[in-house]
Amino acid sequence: MAAEKNFENRIKSLLKSIGCYPLGTPKQKMICYPIGYWEKRWGGGYGKSGLPDMHIVINGINIDVELKSSVGRPSELQKQCIRQMNQGGSIAMILYPEGFDQFKKIVELVMLCDTAIQELIPIINAHTNIKCDMLTS
């Protein structure tokens, strides 16, 4: 569990560095202009089962990320939820630490995006691999 938490903190640091803050962050604690927000979803009976760990919004585009350690495996319900989100035109993925660079590239593309998500999906798919799995089919 510690490896997954360390990876989560790495994602949070990246998001903060671009101006994507946790919901409810006071303006005086923001280090740069806000372009979005993120929220952590809690499992263990506190939320809907199968939903990804983090919901991120950058420039109005939703990204849902299920974080796994290098040896973690998603449940069938998690895979089903991610497929459904992607089929609905959202961006959702299972992300391992080894896929961090691909995730950073996706975030960069979303930050620059001034187009519809449907036009962005092929670009994101080009940066997807087994360690940053979009589960589009």
C-alpha atoms as a PDB file:
ATOM      1  CA  MET A   1       0.000   0.000   0.000  1.00  0.00           C
ATOM      2  CA  ALA A   2       2.912   2.382   0.683  1.00  0.00           C
ATOM      3  CA  ALA A   3       4.089   2.158  -2.937  1.00  0.00           C
ATOM      4  CA  GLU A   4       0.642   3.167  -4.201  1.00  0.00           C
ATOM      5  CA  LYS A   5       0.453   6.072  -1.717  1.00  0.00           C
ATOM      6  CA  ASN A   6       3.917   7.304  -2.798  1.00  0.00           C
ATOM      7  CA  PHE A   7       2.778   7.157  -6.421  1.00  0.00           C
ATOM      8  CA  GLU A   8      -0.408   9.055  -5.524  1.00  0.00           C
ATOM      9  CA  ASN A   9       1.696  11.781  -3.892  1.00  0.00           C
ATOM     10  CA  ARG A  10       3.803  12.008  -7.055  1.00  0.00           C
ATOM     11  CA  ILE A  11       0.632  12.553  -9.111  1.00  0.00           C
ATOM     12  CA  LYS A  12      -0.604  15.188  -6.637  1.00  0.00           C
ATOM     13  CA  SER A  13       2.737  17.057  -6.836  1.00  0.00           C
ATOM     14  CA  LEU A  14       2.539  17.114 -10.629  1.00  0.00           C
ATOM     15  CA  LEU A  15      -1.031  18.428 -10.528  1.00  0.00           C
ATOM     16  CA  LYS A  16      -0.178  21.137  -7.974  1.00  0.00           C
ATOM     17  CA  SER A  17       2.780  22.273 -10.086  1.00  0.00           C
ATOM     18  CA  ILE A  18       0.474  23.026 -13.045  1.00  0.00           C
ATOM     19  CA  GLY A  19      -2.262  24.735 -11.007  1.00  0.00           C
ATOM     20  CA  CYS A  20      -4.585  21.796 -10.412  1.00  0.00           C
ATOM     21  CA  TYR A  21      -5.483  21.814  -6.700  1.00  0.00           C
ATOM     22  CA  PRO A  22      -7.579  19.677  -4.352  1.00  0.00           C
ATOM     23  CA  LEU A  23     -11.169  20.859  -4.119  1.00  0.00           C
ATOM     24  CA  GLY A  24     -11.531  23.463  -1.391  1.00  0.00           C
ATOM     25  CA  THR A  25      -7.949  24.766  -1.537  1.00  0.00           C
ATOM     26  CA  PRO A  26      -7.915  28.393  -0.335  1.00  0.00           C
ATOM     27  CA  LYS A  27      -6.639  30.908  -2.929  1.00  0.00           C
ATOM     28  CA  GLN A  28      -3.807  32.032  -0.671  1.00  0.00           C
ATOM     29  CA  LYS A  29      -2.378  28.479  -0.735  1.00  0.00           C
ATOM     30  CA  MET A  30      -2.308  28.274  -4.530  1.00  0.00           C
ATOM     31  CA  ILE A  31       1.200  28.702  -5.901  1.00  0.00           C
ATOM     32  CA  CYS A  32       0.103  29.392  -9.482  1.00  0.00           C
ATOM     33  CA  TYR A  33      -3.063  30.282 -11.392  1.00  0.00           C
ATOM     34  CA  PRO A  34      -5.657  27.493 -10.997  1.00  0.00           C
ATOM     35  CA  ILE A  35      -6.548  25.598 -14.166  1.00  0.00           C
ATOM     36  CA  GLY A  36      -8.427  22.784 -12.507  1.00  0.00           C
ATOM     37  CA  TYR A  37      -9.007  20.655  -9.450  1.00  0.00           C
ATOM     38  CA  TRP A  38      -8.810  17.081  -8.253  1.00  0.00           C
ATOM     39  CA  GLU A  39     -10.584  15.018  -5.661  1.00  0.00           C
ATOM     40  CA  LYS A  40      -9.602  11.751  -4.032  1.00  0.00           C
ATOM     41  CA  ARG A  41     -12.231   9.028  -4.004  1.00  0.00           C
ATOM     42  CA  TRP A  42     -12.262   6.794  -0.978  1.00  0.00           C
ATOM     43  CA  GLY A  43     -12.983   3.081  -1.135  1.00  0.00           C
ATOM     44  CA  GLY A  44     -13.792   0.752   1.717  1.00  0.00           C
ATOM     45  CA  GLY A  45     -17.523   1.398   1.768  1.00  0.00           C
ATOM     46  CA  TYR A  46     -17.254   5.211   1.639  1.00  0.00           C
ATOM     47  CA  GLY A  47     -18.066   5.555  -2.061  1.00  0.00           C
ATOM     48  CA  LYS A  48     -19.329   3.661  -5.071  1.00  0.00           C
ATOM     49  CA  SER A  49     -17.309   0.513  -5.697  1.00  0.00           C
ATOM     50  CA  GLY A  50     -15.235   0.404  -8.871  1.00  0.00           C
ATOM     51  CA  LEU A  51     -14.785   4.164  -9.321  1.00  0.00           C
ATOM     52  CA  PRO A  52     -11.189   5.273 -10.003  1.00  0.00           C
ATOM     53  CA  ASP A  53      -9.099   6.664  -7.129  1.00  0.00           C
ATOM     54  CA  MET A  54      -8.835  10.226  -8.444  1.00  0.00           C
ATOM     55  CA  HIS A  55     -11.165  12.520 -10.362  1.00  0.00           C
ATOM     56  CA  ILE A  56      -9.190  15.298 -12.054  1.00  0.00           C
ATOM     57  CA  VAL A  57     -10.511  18.265 -14.045  1.00  0.00           C
ATOM     58  CA  ILE A  58      -8.086  20.319 -16.144  1.00  0.00           C
ATOM     59  CA  ASN A  59      -9.434  23.101 -18.364  1.00  0.00           C
ATOM     60  CA  GLY A  60     -12.888  21.558 -18.051  1.00  0.00           C
ATOM     61  CA  ILE A  61     -11.770  18.104 -19.199  1.00  0.00           C
ATOM     62  CA  ASN A  62     -12.393  15.164 -16.855  1.00  0.00           C
ATOM     63  CA  ILE A  63      -9.663  12.611 -16.216  1.00  0.00           C
ATOM     64  CA  ASP A  64     -10.335   9.656 -13.912  1.00  0.00           C
ATOM     65  CA  VAL A  65      -7.333   7.652 -12.724  1.00  0.00           C
ATOM     66  CA  GLU A  66      -7.173   4.314 -10.923  1.00  0.00           C
ATOM     67  CA  LEU A  67      -3.720   4.193  -9.316  1.00  0.00           C
ATOM     68  CA  LYS A  68      -1.920   0.888  -8.892  1.00  0.00           C
ATOM     69  CA  SER A  69       1.486  -0.065  -7.565  1.00  0.00           C
ATOM     70  CA  SER A  70       3.789  -1.883  -9.968  1.00  0.00           C
ATOM     71  CA  VAL A  71       2.367  -5.222  -8.818  1.00  0.00           C
ATOM     72  CA  GLY A  72      -1.247  -4.096  -8.287  1.00  0.00           C
ATOM     73  CA  ARG A  73      -4.096  -5.518 -10.365  1.00  0.00           C
ATOM     74  CA  PRO A  74      -7.420  -3.814 -11.099  1.00  0.00           C
ATOM     75  CA  SER A  75     -10.647  -5.595 -10.287  1.00  0.00           C
ATOM     76  CA  GLU A  76     -13.094  -6.505 -13.050  1.00  0.00           C
ATOM     77  CA  LEU A  77     -15.468  -3.830 -11.693  1.00  0.00           C
ATOM     78  CA  GLN A  78     -12.726  -1.182 -11.927  1.00  0.00           C
ATOM     79  CA  LYS A  79     -11.986  -2.201 -15.531  1.00  0.00           C
ATOM     80  CA  GLN A  80     -15.693  -2.088 -16.366  1.00  0.00           C
ATOM     81  CA  CYS A  81     -16.102   1.420 -14.889  1.00  0.00           C
ATOM     82  CA  ILE A  82     -13.074   2.728 -16.806  1.00  0.00           C
ATOM     83  CA  ARG A  83     -14.320   1.227 -20.073  1.00  0.00           C
ATOM     84  CA  GLN A  84     -17.733   2.790 -19.544  1.00  0.00           C
ATOM     85  CA  MET A  85     -16.221   6.213 -18.778  1.00  0.00           C
ATOM     86  CA  ASN A  86     -14.080   6.080 -21.941  1.00  0.00           C
ATOM     87  CA  GLN A  87     -16.985   4.880 -24.081  1.00  0.00           C
ATOM     88  CA  GLY A  88     -18.978   7.845 -22.752  1.00  0.00           C
ATOM     89  CA  GLY A  89     -16.369  10.271 -24.084  1.00  0.00           C
ATOM     90  CA  SER A  90     -14.430  10.792 -20.865  1.00  0.00           C
ATOM     91  CA  ILE A  91     -10.755  10.098 -20.199  1.00  0.00           C
ATOM     92  CA  ALA A  92     -10.185   7.303 -17.698  1.00  0.00           C
ATOM     93  CA  MET A  93      -7.236   5.002 -17.091  1.00  0.00           C
ATOM     94  CA  ILE A  94      -5.482   2.517 -14.857  1.00  0.00           C
ATOM     95  CA  LEU A  95      -2.086   3.996 -14.117  1.00  0.00           C
ATOM     96  CA  TYR A  96       1.054   2.288 -12.816  1.00  0.00           C
ATOM     97  CA  PRO A  97       4.227   4.135 -11.726  1.00  0.00           C
ATOM     98  CA  GLU A  98       5.915   2.992 -14.932  1.00  0.00           C
ATOM     99  CA  GLY A  99       3.273   4.926 -16.908  1.00  0.00           C
ATOM    100  CA  PHE A 100       3.934   8.246 -15.163  1.00  0.00           C
ATOM    101  CA  ASP A 101       5.686   9.799 -18.185  1.00  0.00           C
ATOM    102  CA  GLN A 102       2.752   8.886 -20.453  1.00  0.00           C
ATOM    103  CA  PHE A 103       0.369  10.397 -17.882  1.00  0.00           C
ATOM    104  CA  LYS A 104       2.427  13.619 -17.826  1.00  0.00           C
ATOM    105  CA  LYS A 105       2.199  13.791 -21.626  1.00  0.00           C
ATOM    106  CA  ILE A 106      -1.595  13.316 -21.465  1.00  0.00           C
ATOM    107  CA  VAL A 107      -1.851  16.114 -18.870  1.00  0.00           C
ATOM    108  CA  GLU A 108       0.278  18.390 -21.079  1.00  0.00           C
ATOM    109  CA  LEU A 109      -1.983  17.680 -24.064  1.00  0.00           C
ATOM    110  CA  VAL A 110      -5.121  18.360 -22.019  1.00  0.00           C
ATOM    111  CA  MET A 111      -3.625  21.641 -20.766  1.00  0.00           C
ATOM    112  CA  LEU A 112      -3.097  22.754 -24.367  1.00  0.00           C
ATOM    113  CA  CYS A 113      -6.426  21.409 -25.546  1.00  0.00           C
ATOM    114  CA  ASP A 114      -8.946  23.780 -27.040  1.00  0.00           C
ATOM    115  CA  THR A 115     -10.867  21.060 -28.833  1.00  0.00           C
ATOM    116  CA  ALA A 116     -13.469  18.413 -28.046  1.00  0.00           C
ATOM    117  CA  ILE A 117     -12.487  15.299 -26.109  1.00  0.00           C
ATOM    118  CA  GLN A 118     -13.405  13.113 -29.096  1.00  0.00           C
ATOM    119  CA  GLU A 119     -10.632  14.791 -31.078  1.00  0.00           C
ATOM    120  CA  LEU A 120      -8.219  14.406 -28.155  1.00  0.00           C
ATOM    121  CA  ILE A 121      -8.790  10.640 -27.664  1.00  0.00           C
ATOM    122  CA  PRO A 122      -6.632   9.488 -30.645  1.00  0.00           C
ATOM    123  CA  ILE A 123      -3.743  11.635 -29.379  1.00  0.00           C
ATOM    124  CA  ILE A 124      -4.084  10.164 -25.896  1.00  0.00           C
ATOM    125  CA  ASN A 125      -4.325   6.628 -27.262  1.00  0.00           C
ATOM    126  CA  ALA A 126      -1.004   7.212 -29.017  1.00  0.00           C
ATOM    127  CA  HIS A 127       0.584   7.741 -25.586  1.00  0.00           C
ATOM    128  CA  THR A 128      -1.151   4.768 -23.946  1.00  0.00           C
ATOM    129  CA  ASN A 129       0.573   1.543 -23.045  1.00  0.00           C
ATOM    130  CA  ILE A 130       0.021  -1.269 -20.566  1.00  0.00           C
ATOM    131  CA  LYS A 131       1.319   0.899 -17.697  1.00  0.00           C
ATOM    132  CA  CYS A 132      -1.138   3.698 -18.530  1.00  0.00           C
ATOM    133  CA  ASP A 133      -4.114   1.678 -19.726  1.00  0.00           C
ATOM    134  CA  MET A 134      -7.147   3.506 -21.157  1.00  0.00           C
ATOM    135  CA  LEU A 135      -9.203   0.288 -21.615  1.00  0.00           C
ATOM    136  CA  THR A 136     -11.049   1.680 -24.610  1.00  0.00           C
ATOM    137  CA  SER A 137     -12.404  -1.626 -25.881  1.00  0.00           C
END
